[in-house]
Structure formats: C-alpha cells, structure tokens
N, C-alpha and C. Protein backbone atom coordinates (compact mmCIF):
# COMPACT_ATOMS: atom_id res chain seq x y z
N MET A 1 122.10 183.12 176.70
CA MET A 1 120.75 183.50 176.55
C MET A 1 119.90 181.79 176.78
N GLN A 2 119.63 181.45 178.40
CA GLN A 2 118.66 180.56 178.73
C GLN A 2 117.38 180.06 177.11
N HIS A 3 116.73 179.08 176.83
CA HIS A 3 115.91 179.11 176.23
C HIS A 3 114.76 178.14 176.87
N THR A 4 113.81 178.02 176.95
CA THR A 4 113.01 177.10 177.21
C THR A 4 113.03 175.91 176.40
N GLU A 5 112.22 175.36 176.90
CA GLU A 5 111.79 173.89 175.94
C GLU A 5 111.01 174.58 174.63
N GLN A 6 109.86 174.88 174.59
CA GLN A 6 109.15 175.03 173.47
C GLN A 6 109.96 176.25 173.24
N GLN A 7 110.71 177.42 173.71
CA GLN A 7 111.48 178.66 172.41
C GLN A 7 112.42 177.07 171.51
N LEU A 8 112.97 176.73 172.13
CA LEU A 8 114.32 176.15 171.39
C LEU A 8 113.57 175.47 170.48
N ALA A 9 112.31 174.49 170.51
CA ALA A 9 111.60 173.69 169.69
C ALA A 9 111.00 174.57 168.68
N GLU A 10 110.42 175.95 168.46
CA GLU A 10 110.11 177.32 167.88
C GLU A 10 111.73 177.41 167.14
N LEU A 11 112.58 177.07 167.90
CA LEU A 11 113.54 177.60 167.13
C LEU A 11 114.36 176.96 165.97
N LYS A 12 114.14 175.43 165.85
CA LYS A 12 114.17 174.61 165.37
C LYS A 12 113.81 174.08 164.14
N ALA A 13 112.39 174.70 164.77
CA ALA A 13 111.04 174.27 163.67
C ALA A 13 111.35 175.24 162.87
N GLU A 14 112.26 176.42 162.86
CA GLU A 14 112.52 177.65 162.29
C GLU A 14 113.59 177.42 161.25
N PHE A 15 115.12 177.09 162.18
CA PHE A 15 116.04 176.43 161.23
C PHE A 15 115.51 175.57 160.34
N ALA A 16 114.54 174.26 160.83
CA ALA A 16 113.91 173.55 159.70
C ALA A 16 113.49 173.97 158.49
N LYS A 17 112.85 175.05 158.85
CA LYS A 17 111.88 175.64 157.59
C LYS A 17 112.74 176.35 156.43
N ARG A 18 113.80 176.59 156.69
CA ARG A 18 115.25 178.14 156.23
C ARG A 18 116.15 176.62 155.73
N ARG A 19 116.00 175.83 156.66
CA ARG A 19 116.63 174.27 155.65
C ARG A 19 116.61 173.85 154.78
N LYS A 20 115.21 173.20 155.07
CA LYS A 20 113.96 173.57 153.44
C LYS A 20 114.11 174.58 152.01
N ARG A 21 114.62 175.44 152.72
CA ARG A 21 114.13 176.78 151.33
C ARG A 21 115.63 176.62 151.13
N GLN A 22 116.68 176.47 151.82
CA GLN A 22 118.35 176.43 151.07
C GLN A 22 118.36 175.67 149.80
N LEU A 23 117.86 174.34 150.61
CA LEU A 23 117.77 173.27 150.31
C LEU A 23 117.61 173.29 148.44
N LEU A 24 115.52 173.97 148.52
CA LEU A 24 115.18 174.59 147.08
C LEU A 24 116.08 174.35 145.96
N ALA A 25 116.80 176.08 147.03
CA ALA A 25 117.10 176.57 146.10
C ALA A 25 118.07 176.38 145.06
N THR A 26 118.68 175.10 145.66
CA THR A 26 120.07 175.15 144.58
C THR A 26 119.24 173.96 143.66
N ILE A 27 118.00 173.51 143.50
CA ILE A 27 117.56 173.36 142.57
C ILE A 27 117.41 174.34 141.49
N PRO A 28 117.99 175.15 141.13
CA PRO A 28 117.48 175.75 139.72
C PRO A 28 119.27 175.50 139.31
N ILE A 29 120.16 176.19 140.05
CA ILE A 29 121.51 176.09 140.49
C ILE A 29 121.86 174.66 139.36
N VAL A 30 121.31 173.40 139.66
CA VAL A 30 121.37 171.98 139.20
C VAL A 30 121.48 171.74 138.04
N ALA A 31 120.10 172.07 137.92
CA ALA A 31 119.64 172.68 136.42
C ALA A 31 120.24 173.25 135.55
N VAL A 32 120.39 174.52 136.05
CA VAL A 32 120.98 175.36 134.72
C VAL A 32 122.38 174.29 134.80
N PHE A 33 123.04 173.86 135.28
CA PHE A 33 124.55 173.48 135.79
C PHE A 33 124.35 172.33 134.84
N VAL A 34 123.20 171.32 134.69
CA VAL A 34 122.79 170.08 133.64
C VAL A 34 122.56 170.65 132.43
N MET A 35 121.98 171.64 132.44
CA MET A 35 121.61 172.51 131.05
C MET A 35 123.27 172.79 130.75
N ALA A 36 123.60 173.49 131.31
CA ALA A 36 124.62 173.64 129.89
C ALA A 36 125.98 172.90 129.75
N MET A 37 126.13 171.33 130.66
CA MET A 37 126.73 170.36 130.50
C MET A 37 126.14 169.57 128.83
N VAL A 38 124.30 169.47 129.25
CA VAL A 38 124.31 168.87 127.99
C VAL A 38 125.04 169.90 127.19
N LEU A 39 124.18 171.24 127.14
CA LEU A 39 124.54 172.01 125.67
C LEU A 39 126.07 172.36 124.68
N ARG A 40 126.93 172.07 126.82
CA ARG A 40 128.55 172.00 125.96
C ARG A 40 129.13 170.83 124.79
N GLY A 41 128.13 170.08 125.33
CA GLY A 41 128.84 168.78 124.25
C GLY A 41 128.15 168.51 123.11
N ALA A 42 126.70 169.37 122.85
CA ALA A 42 125.72 169.14 122.16
C ALA A 42 125.89 169.21 120.71
N GLY A 43 127.13 169.78 120.56
CA GLY A 43 127.22 170.57 119.21
C GLY A 43 126.53 171.66 118.21
N ASP A 44 126.24 170.46 116.96
CA ASP A 44 124.85 170.85 115.74
C ASP A 44 123.68 171.07 116.48
N VAL A 45 123.37 170.29 117.20
CA VAL A 45 121.81 169.47 117.67
C VAL A 45 121.03 171.56 118.09
N SER A 46 120.18 171.59 118.37
CA SER A 46 118.97 172.48 118.12
C SER A 46 118.32 172.11 119.50
N PHE A 47 118.03 172.80 120.22
CA PHE A 47 117.39 173.16 120.60
C PHE A 47 115.40 174.10 120.76
N LEU A 48 114.90 173.28 120.66
CA LEU A 48 113.72 174.11 120.17
C LEU A 48 113.51 174.55 118.73
N GLY A 49 114.82 173.89 118.39
CA GLY A 49 114.68 174.94 116.97
C GLY A 49 115.71 176.17 116.57
N ILE A 50 116.66 176.51 117.78
CA ILE A 50 117.63 177.28 117.82
C ILE A 50 118.96 176.39 118.57
N PRO A 51 119.69 176.79 117.43
CA PRO A 51 121.04 176.10 117.59
C PRO A 51 121.61 175.98 119.16
N ALA A 52 122.60 174.86 119.99
CA ALA A 52 123.10 175.07 120.65
C ALA A 52 123.45 176.19 121.14
N SER A 53 124.43 176.91 119.98
CA SER A 53 125.53 177.76 120.43
C SER A 53 124.81 178.57 120.52
N VAL A 54 124.10 178.96 120.00
CA VAL A 54 123.33 180.47 120.44
C VAL A 54 122.43 180.50 121.25
N VAL A 55 121.52 179.22 122.22
CA VAL A 55 121.25 179.41 123.18
C VAL A 55 121.98 179.78 124.30
N ALA A 56 123.18 178.72 123.88
CA ALA A 56 124.60 178.73 124.70
C ALA A 56 125.03 180.46 125.02
N ARG A 57 125.35 180.32 124.26
CA ARG A 57 125.24 182.48 124.81
C ARG A 57 124.32 182.47 125.10
N GLY A 58 122.77 182.72 124.99
CA GLY A 58 121.61 183.40 124.80
C GLY A 58 121.91 182.96 126.81
N VAL A 59 122.45 182.07 127.00
CA VAL A 59 121.93 182.18 128.69
C VAL A 59 123.25 182.39 129.87
N VAL A 60 123.93 183.03 129.45
CA VAL A 60 124.98 183.23 130.34
C VAL A 60 124.85 184.69 130.35
N GLY A 61 123.75 185.31 130.12
CA GLY A 61 122.89 186.82 130.85
C GLY A 61 122.15 186.07 132.30
N GLY A 62 121.28 185.34 132.06
CA GLY A 62 120.25 184.27 132.72
C GLY A 62 121.28 183.26 134.02
N VAL A 63 122.13 183.48 133.62
CA VAL A 63 122.81 182.31 134.86
C VAL A 63 123.43 183.23 135.36
N PHE A 64 123.83 184.77 135.20
CA PHE A 64 124.58 185.55 135.91
C PHE A 64 123.95 186.02 136.77
N ALA A 65 122.49 186.32 136.73
CA ALA A 65 121.02 186.74 137.48
C ALA A 65 121.15 185.82 138.36
N LEU A 66 120.88 185.21 137.74
CA LEU A 66 120.29 183.34 138.75
C LEU A 66 121.91 182.95 139.77
N VAL A 67 122.82 183.01 139.63
CA VAL A 67 124.08 183.43 140.69
C VAL A 67 124.13 184.21 141.90
N LEU A 68 123.94 185.10 140.95
CA LEU A 68 123.61 186.92 141.61
C LEU A 68 122.30 186.53 142.47
N GLY A 69 121.46 186.17 141.99
CA GLY A 69 119.69 185.85 143.40
C GLY A 69 120.06 184.70 144.17
N SER A 70 121.37 183.66 143.61
CA SER A 70 121.30 182.39 144.82
C SER A 70 122.14 182.96 145.49
N ILE A 71 122.91 183.85 145.64
CA ILE A 71 123.62 184.70 146.63
C ILE A 71 122.77 186.19 147.84
N ALA A 72 122.31 186.19 146.99
CA ALA A 72 121.98 187.24 147.17
C ALA A 72 120.22 186.72 148.67
N PHE A 73 120.18 185.62 148.46
CA PHE A 73 119.25 184.75 149.01
C PHE A 73 119.11 183.84 150.17
N SER A 74 121.01 183.29 149.18
CA SER A 74 121.51 182.60 150.82
C SER A 74 121.57 183.26 151.63
N LEU A 75 122.47 184.85 151.94
CA LEU A 75 123.00 185.60 152.50
C LEU A 75 121.74 185.84 153.46
N TRP A 76 120.10 186.13 153.24
CA TRP A 76 118.93 186.85 153.79
C TRP A 76 118.17 185.90 154.88
N ASN A 77 118.54 184.22 153.63
CA ASN A 77 117.49 183.20 154.08
C ASN A 77 118.94 182.08 155.52
N TRP A 78 120.27 181.79 155.11
CA TRP A 78 120.44 181.67 155.61
C TRP A 78 120.77 181.65 157.40
N ARG A 79 120.59 181.94 158.07
CA ARG A 79 121.13 182.97 158.99
C ARG A 79 120.26 182.18 160.44
N CYS A 80 120.71 181.83 161.64
CA CYS A 80 120.36 181.27 163.20
C CYS A 80 119.24 181.92 162.97
N PRO A 81 117.98 181.15 163.33
CA PRO A 81 116.97 181.96 164.03
C PRO A 81 116.75 182.38 165.37
N GLY A 82 117.72 182.11 166.50
CA GLY A 82 117.40 183.09 167.09
C GLY A 82 118.62 183.83 167.59
N CYS A 83 119.39 183.82 166.94
CA CYS A 83 120.76 185.58 166.68
C CYS A 83 120.76 186.27 165.10
N ASN A 84 120.23 185.84 163.79
CA ASN A 84 119.88 185.92 162.57
C ASN A 84 121.28 186.24 162.45
N ARG A 85 122.42 185.81 162.89
CA ARG A 85 123.45 186.09 162.32
C ARG A 85 124.36 184.43 161.37
N TYR A 86 124.80 185.25 159.33
CA TYR A 86 124.88 183.76 158.98
C TYR A 86 125.33 182.47 159.85
N LEU A 87 124.92 181.42 159.37
CA LEU A 87 125.22 180.79 159.90
C LEU A 87 126.88 179.82 159.03
N GLY A 88 126.63 180.26 157.77
CA GLY A 88 128.00 179.27 157.37
C GLY A 88 127.89 178.63 156.03
N LYS A 89 128.90 178.00 155.62
CA LYS A 89 128.87 177.08 154.42
C LYS A 89 127.81 175.74 154.40
N GLY A 90 128.23 175.08 155.11
CA GLY A 90 127.28 174.23 155.56
C GLY A 90 126.41 174.02 156.22
N ILE A 91 125.62 173.01 155.75
CA ILE A 91 124.27 172.85 155.23
C ILE A 91 123.34 172.16 156.14
N SER A 92 124.11 172.01 157.50
CA SER A 92 123.96 171.04 158.25
C SER A 92 124.16 170.88 159.31
N PRO A 93 124.21 172.50 159.98
CA PRO A 93 124.88 172.69 161.70
C PRO A 93 124.03 172.42 162.39
N SER A 94 124.79 171.96 163.45
CA SER A 94 123.88 171.22 164.63
C SER A 94 123.86 171.92 165.68
N PHE A 95 124.44 172.90 165.48
CA PHE A 95 123.81 174.36 166.20
C PHE A 95 124.42 175.77 165.53
N CYS A 96 124.44 176.78 166.41
CA CYS A 96 124.97 178.14 165.74
C CYS A 96 126.04 178.52 166.48
N SER A 97 127.27 178.12 166.20
CA SER A 97 128.24 179.07 166.09
C SER A 97 128.81 180.12 166.55
N LYS A 98 127.33 180.71 166.79
CA LYS A 98 127.92 182.48 167.24
C LYS A 98 127.70 182.59 168.68
N CYS A 99 126.02 182.00 168.85
CA CYS A 99 125.17 182.46 169.85
C CYS A 99 125.04 180.66 170.54
N GLY A 100 125.38 179.40 169.55
CA GLY A 100 125.75 178.49 170.20
C GLY A 100 123.90 178.03 170.58
N VAL A 101 123.01 178.79 169.77
CA VAL A 101 121.96 178.47 169.58
C VAL A 101 121.81 176.28 169.08
N PRO A 102 121.04 175.34 169.71
CA PRO A 102 121.32 173.85 168.71
C PRO A 102 120.04 174.11 167.99
N LEU A 103 120.55 173.49 166.93
CA LEU A 103 118.69 173.80 165.80
C LEU A 103 118.83 172.86 164.85
N GLN A 104 119.47 170.92 165.64
CA GLN A 104 118.66 170.46 165.58
C GLN A 104 118.85 169.14 166.38
C-alpha cells in the first residue's frame, strides 16, 4: 500500500511514541535487576530495618509480576503503526519487516 508523505510522517511519529514507551518500560526491570544484585551481595545488611535475605525472598513475587507485566506491555505496545503486527526483538527497526512501512 502506498502512503502519502503526511501518512508516513504520522506513522513515524507514532512509532517514535511507541519506541519511547518501550524504552521507558525497561527502567523498572533494570532497577529491579540492580536491586537484586545489590541484595545478593549484601549478606547480613538490612534494608529499611528488614534483613536483606527477607527482602530478597519477598521480592520474588513482585519480580515475577513485573516480568509478566513487561511481557504483556511489550506485546501490546511494540507493534507496527501501519499493520499492527509485532515488530520483533530489535529496539530500533528502520522499517516493518511485515508490511515494509518505514519507521524512522
């Protein structure tokens, strides 16, 4: 399907929004990963008065929920604005591999 210049500009703008949301969604995952690494090496140190080992065990359910939520968000968000198909694993595709719409 041929798109006008205005339509292409709108598709690229929508892709930029989706890419920004996708990148922002990685912040909590990275924060939890860093926290897990810190707690892993903490030994007998406490976190807000709670032993690190107790905090680490209690965080497992939250991490599981965060990972599932992140996957669901990515499946919903990371789609081509032209054909609405999943864009794949890359964070910076220049075009949709399914419909060929330029994204950047």
